[in-house]
Amino acid sequence: MAWDPTAYLTFDDHRSRPFHDLLARIGATEPRRVVDLGCGPGHLTGLLTTRWPGAEIDALDSSPVMVENALARGVPARQADVRDWQPGPTDDVVVTNAVLQWVPGHAELLVRWVGEMPKGGWFAMQVPGNFSAQSHALVRELLAEPAWSGRVQVRDELAVAPPADYADSVAAVGAEVDAWETTYLHRLTGPDPVLTWISGTALRPVRAALDDAEWDRFRAELAPRLREAYPPRPDGTTWFPFRRIFLVARAGG
C-alpha cells in the first residue's frame, strides 16, 4: 500500500492536533535522543526539535515516499519498519503518532519497547479509535456487497485496543502510565469531506487493490452513504467526530 503525502496532509490542522495534545503530556526536559516512530512526511517531527533542541532526533518510516518528503523538509529520516525497531540506551523519548493501528500485534511491541527503554524514558503513543464509526462501518458494508466481496481486506474494530488494555500492559512492566481517549469534533469543509479524509488513510488498502476505474466507481458508491451519515450543515461545513486513544508511559527501568 503506497502512501500519498499530499492526500495525507489534507486537513493537516485537524490531523495534527492530537500530536500536540500527546506532546503536552510528556514530561521530559533534556532527553538525549528523541525517536519519531512512523514520521510520515516529517511535518510534525520538527516540533520535537523545537521542544527539545539539544536532543538527537531519529525519525523513521516504512514508506520511501514519506521518507523522501521528510528529508526534503530537513528531517533526518530513514526508511525502516517499526516492527524491527529496538530502543537504544539513550532513547529517552519515543513518540509514535497514528501509526500502530497499521501494525497487527502492536500491543506486544509496546510491552517490549517500554520494558527495554532506559529508566525514566518516556514513551508516547496515539492511535485512531474510530474503527466502529460510520466512516469505517460503511466501507466494510460496501466491501461486503457482491461487486466488491473478497477484493479487499480492511481493518475492523479490533485494530486497536481500549485505553485500559494498553495501560494494563505497560504497567505490568513497571511503567508509570497516563492513558486517555478524546473524541474530536472536526468541522470539515469542501465537497464530500469525509470521503476525502478517509481516502488518504483508511481507504489506502482499497486504492491499492483497485485499478483507476474501479477506484472511481467505489468512491462514487461510497460518497452518498457518507453524505447521509455525515450530512452537511446549512453553512456547507460537516461535523466529523473522531475518537483517538492516547498512552504516555514512563519506563521504570
Protein backbone atom coordinates (compact mmCIF):
# COMPACT_ATOMS: atom_id res chain seq x y z
CA MET A 1 0.00 0.00 0.00
CA ALA A 2 1.55 3.26 -1.13
CA TRP A 3 1.19 6.45 0.89
CA ASP A 4 0.26 9.71 -0.82
CA PRO A 5 1.76 12.59 1.21
CA THR A 6 -0.49 15.16 -0.47
CA ALA A 7 -3.65 13.23 0.37
CA TYR A 8 -2.40 12.54 3.89
CA LEU A 9 -1.77 16.23 4.56
CA THR A 10 -5.32 17.20 3.57
CA PHE A 11 -6.99 18.52 6.75
CA ASP A 12 -3.50 18.72 8.27
CA ASP A 13 -4.62 21.09 11.03
CA HIS A 14 -7.19 18.57 12.25
CA ARG A 15 -4.86 15.58 11.91
CA SER A 16 -2.03 17.35 13.74
CA ARG A 17 -3.95 18.41 16.82
CA PRO A 18 -3.66 15.02 18.61
CA PHE A 19 0.12 15.17 18.19
CA HIS A 20 0.21 18.45 20.09
CA ASP A 21 -2.03 17.02 22.80
CA LEU A 22 0.22 13.97 23.08
CA LEU A 23 3.43 16.01 23.38
CA ALA A 24 1.87 18.14 26.12
CA ARG A 25 1.77 15.11 28.43
CA ILE A 26 5.45 14.18 28.03
CA GLY A 27 7.45 15.46 30.98
CA ALA A 28 10.97 15.01 29.61
CA THR A 29 13.17 18.10 29.96
CA GLU A 30 16.59 17.27 28.47
CA PRO A 31 16.37 13.95 26.62
CA ARG A 32 19.49 12.71 24.92
CA ARG A 33 17.71 11.19 21.95
CA VAL A 34 14.12 11.54 20.65
CA VAL A 35 12.68 8.95 18.28
CA ASP A 36 9.73 9.50 15.92
CA LEU A 37 8.41 6.05 15.01
CA GLY A 38 6.45 6.45 11.79
CA CYS A 39 7.34 10.05 11.00
CA GLY A 40 5.33 10.21 7.77
CA PRO A 41 6.22 13.28 5.66
CA GLY A 42 8.04 14.80 8.65
CA HIS A 43 5.70 17.76 9.04
CA LEU A 44 5.38 17.12 12.80
CA THR A 45 8.89 15.86 13.54
CA GLY A 46 10.13 19.44 13.61
CA LEU A 47 8.01 20.01 16.71
CA LEU A 48 10.24 17.53 18.52
CA THR A 49 13.32 19.58 17.65
CA THR A 50 11.59 22.74 18.83
CA ARG A 51 10.55 21.12 22.11
CA TRP A 52 13.97 19.53 22.76
CA PRO A 53 16.59 21.49 20.78
CA GLY A 54 19.50 19.73 22.44
CA ALA A 55 18.35 16.21 21.60
CA GLU A 56 19.45 14.00 18.75
CA ILE A 57 16.43 13.24 16.53
CA ASP A 58 15.87 9.85 14.92
CA ALA A 59 12.89 9.62 12.54
CA LEU A 60 11.85 6.55 10.62
CA ASP A 61 9.02 5.43 8.35
CA SER A 62 8.35 2.35 6.23
CA SER A 63 7.23 4.38 3.20
CA PRO A 64 10.02 5.54 0.87
CA VAL A 65 7.81 8.35 -0.44
CA MET A 66 7.15 9.60 3.07
CA VAL A 67 10.85 9.43 3.93
CA GLU A 68 11.67 11.37 0.76
CA ASN A 69 9.21 14.08 1.76
CA ALA A 70 10.60 14.20 5.30
CA LEU A 71 14.16 14.53 4.03
CA ALA A 72 13.04 17.41 1.80
CA ARG A 73 11.85 19.16 4.97
CA GLY A 74 15.25 18.74 6.57
CA VAL A 75 14.15 15.89 8.85
CA PRO A 76 16.86 13.23 9.42
CA ALA A 77 14.51 10.45 8.32
CA ARG A 78 15.36 6.90 7.33
CA GLN A 79 13.34 4.03 5.92
CA ALA A 80 12.66 1.24 8.42
CA ASP A 81 9.82 -0.92 9.69
CA VAL A 82 8.71 -0.01 13.21
CA ARG A 83 8.37 -3.73 13.96
CA ASP A 84 12.16 -4.06 13.60
CA TRP A 85 12.97 -1.08 15.84
CA GLN A 86 14.54 -1.60 19.26
CA PRO A 87 15.11 1.06 21.90
CA GLY A 88 18.68 2.13 22.48
CA PRO A 89 20.30 3.15 25.79
CA THR A 90 19.89 6.88 25.09
CA ASP A 91 16.35 6.82 23.62
CA ASP A 92 14.82 8.95 26.34
CA VAL A 93 11.69 9.92 24.39
CA VAL A 94 9.86 7.78 21.84
CA VAL A 95 6.80 9.10 20.02
CA THR A 96 4.55 7.21 17.65
CA ASN A 97 1.58 9.09 16.24
CA ALA A 98 -1.24 7.44 14.24
CA VAL A 99 1.00 4.53 13.21
CA LEU A 100 0.44 1.42 15.30
CA GLN A 101 -3.14 0.88 14.12
CA TRP A 102 -1.49 -0.42 10.94
CA VAL A 103 0.66 -2.93 12.85
CA PRO A 104 -1.01 -6.20 13.92
CA GLY A 105 0.23 -7.34 17.31
CA HIS A 106 1.42 -3.87 18.29
CA ALA A 107 0.27 -4.34 21.90
CA GLU A 108 3.09 -6.85 22.37
CA LEU A 109 5.56 -4.43 20.80
CA LEU A 110 4.55 -1.76 23.32
CA VAL A 111 5.33 -4.03 26.23
CA ARG A 112 8.75 -4.93 24.81
CA TRP A 113 9.66 -1.36 23.88
CA VAL A 114 8.69 0.19 27.20
CA GLY A 115 10.35 -2.65 29.08
CA GLU A 116 13.63 -2.10 27.20
CA MET A 117 13.74 1.71 27.37
CA PRO A 118 16.21 3.43 29.72
CA LYS A 119 14.91 4.11 33.23
CA GLY A 120 12.83 7.28 33.27
CA GLY A 121 12.37 7.25 29.48
CA TRP A 122 9.08 8.47 28.04
CA PHE A 123 7.02 6.52 25.51
CA ALA A 124 4.06 8.32 23.91
CA MET A 125 1.51 6.81 21.54
CA GLN A 126 -1.63 8.00 19.76
CA VAL A 127 -3.83 5.80 17.58
CA PRO A 128 -7.24 6.37 15.99
CA GLY A 129 -10.03 4.70 17.96
CA ASN A 130 -12.84 5.22 15.47
CA PHE A 131 -12.96 1.86 13.70
CA SER A 132 -16.57 1.29 14.75
CA ALA A 133 -17.61 4.72 13.41
CA GLN A 134 -19.85 5.04 10.36
CA SER A 135 -16.90 6.22 8.27
CA HIS A 136 -15.38 2.74 8.65
CA ALA A 137 -18.52 0.65 9.02
CA LEU A 138 -19.89 1.92 5.69
CA VAL A 139 -16.65 0.99 3.94
CA ARG A 140 -16.84 -2.55 5.30
CA GLU A 141 -20.53 -2.72 4.40
CA LEU A 142 -19.84 -1.75 0.79
CA LEU A 143 -16.89 -4.14 0.51
CA ALA A 144 -19.18 -6.98 1.61
CA GLU A 145 -21.52 -6.45 -1.34
CA PRO A 146 -21.21 -8.86 -4.31
CA ALA A 147 -19.43 -6.42 -6.62
CA TRP A 148 -16.57 -5.96 -4.12
CA SER A 149 -16.72 -9.06 -1.90
CA GLY A 150 -13.35 -10.72 -1.35
CA ARG A 151 -11.43 -7.98 -3.16
CA VAL A 152 -10.05 -6.08 -0.20
CA GLN A 153 -9.48 -6.64 3.50
CA VAL A 154 -9.66 -3.58 5.74
CA ARG A 155 -9.23 -3.14 9.47
CA ASP A 156 -12.08 -3.83 11.84
CA GLU A 157 -12.94 -2.72 15.38
CA LEU A 158 -10.13 -4.89 16.76
CA ALA A 159 -7.39 -2.88 15.04
CA VAL A 160 -6.73 -1.10 18.35
CA ALA A 161 -7.43 -1.91 22.00
CA PRO A 162 -9.26 0.10 24.66
CA PRO A 163 -7.06 2.54 26.60
CA ALA A 164 -7.27 0.41 29.76
CA ASP A 165 -5.81 -2.60 27.93
CA TYR A 166 -2.77 -0.62 26.80
CA ALA A 167 -2.40 0.85 30.27
CA ASP A 168 -2.52 -2.56 31.96
CA SER A 169 0.06 -3.97 29.55
CA VAL A 170 2.74 -1.35 30.11
CA ALA A 171 2.02 -1.00 33.83
CA ALA A 172 2.84 -4.69 34.10
CA VAL A 173 6.46 -3.94 33.12
CA GLY A 174 6.80 -1.31 35.84
CA ALA A 175 5.94 1.85 33.89
CA GLU A 176 4.04 4.86 35.18
CA VAL A 177 1.02 5.21 32.91
CA ASP A 178 -1.18 8.03 31.67
CA ALA A 179 -3.88 6.79 29.26
CA TRP A 180 -6.98 8.51 27.94
CA GLU A 181 -9.26 8.92 24.95
CA THR A 182 -10.65 12.01 23.24
CA THR A 183 -13.35 12.44 20.62
CA TYR A 184 -12.58 15.45 18.47
CA LEU A 185 -15.42 17.09 16.60
CA HIS A 186 -13.80 18.24 13.39
CA ARG A 187 -15.54 20.85 11.28
CA LEU A 188 -14.70 19.90 7.70
CA THR A 189 -15.13 21.92 4.54
CA GLY A 190 -15.32 21.10 0.86
CA PRO A 191 -17.34 18.58 -1.18
CA ASP A 192 -17.60 15.09 0.34
CA PRO A 193 -15.07 15.96 3.06
CA VAL A 194 -15.34 12.69 4.98
CA LEU A 195 -14.65 10.74 1.79
CA THR A 196 -11.65 12.99 1.15
CA TRP A 197 -10.44 12.44 4.73
CA ILE A 198 -10.57 8.64 4.64
CA SER A 199 -9.21 8.43 1.07
CA GLY A 200 -5.80 9.45 2.41
CA THR A 201 -5.78 6.92 5.26
CA ALA A 202 -8.46 4.26 5.82
CA LEU A 203 -9.09 3.66 2.11
CA ARG A 204 -5.43 3.03 1.26
CA PRO A 205 -5.91 -0.77 1.10
CA VAL A 206 -8.90 -0.27 -1.19
CA ARG A 207 -6.99 2.05 -3.50
CA ALA A 208 -4.09 -0.40 -3.66
CA ALA A 209 -6.36 -3.28 -4.71
CA LEU A 210 -8.35 -1.47 -7.42
CA ASP A 211 -7.48 -0.02 -10.79
CA ASP A 212 -8.30 3.61 -11.55
CA ALA A 213 -11.77 2.95 -12.97
CA GLU A 214 -12.73 0.64 -10.09
CA TRP A 215 -11.43 3.15 -7.56
CA ASP A 216 -13.57 5.90 -9.08
CA ARG A 217 -16.62 3.61 -9.05
CA PHE A 218 -16.04 2.55 -5.45
CA ARG A 219 -15.76 6.17 -4.31
CA ALA A 220 -18.89 7.08 -6.27
CA GLU A 221 -20.84 4.34 -4.49
CA LEU A 222 -19.46 5.24 -1.09
CA ALA A 223 -19.91 9.01 -1.32
CA PRO A 224 -23.72 9.21 -0.94
CA ARG A 225 -23.64 6.83 2.02
CA LEU A 226 -21.11 9.02 3.79
CA ARG A 227 -23.11 12.15 2.96
CA GLU A 228 -26.17 10.57 4.59
CA ALA A 229 -24.19 9.54 7.68
CA TYR A 230 -22.40 12.91 7.90
CA PRO A 231 -24.81 15.46 6.38
CA PRO A 232 -23.51 18.94 5.61
CA ARG A 233 -24.69 21.78 7.82
CA PRO A 234 -26.65 24.76 6.38
CA ASP A 235 -23.36 26.67 6.00
CA GLY A 236 -21.85 23.82 3.96
CA THR A 237 -19.48 22.51 6.65
CA THR A 238 -19.64 18.98 8.04
CA TRP A 239 -19.15 17.75 11.60
CA PHE A 240 -16.87 14.69 11.75
CA PRO A 241 -16.50 13.08 15.22
CA PHE A 242 -13.17 11.28 15.54
CA ARG A 243 -12.15 9.25 18.61
CA ARG A 244 -8.47 8.86 19.42
CA ILE A 245 -6.61 6.84 22.06
CA PHE A 246 -3.53 8.11 23.89
CA LEU A 247 -0.89 6.46 26.06
CA VAL A 248 2.08 8.07 27.77
CA ALA A 249 4.29 5.75 29.81
CA ARG A 250 7.43 6.46 31.83
CA ALA A 251 9.71 3.46 31.90
CA GLY A 252 10.64 2.05 35.27
CA GLY A 253 13.92 0.54 34.09
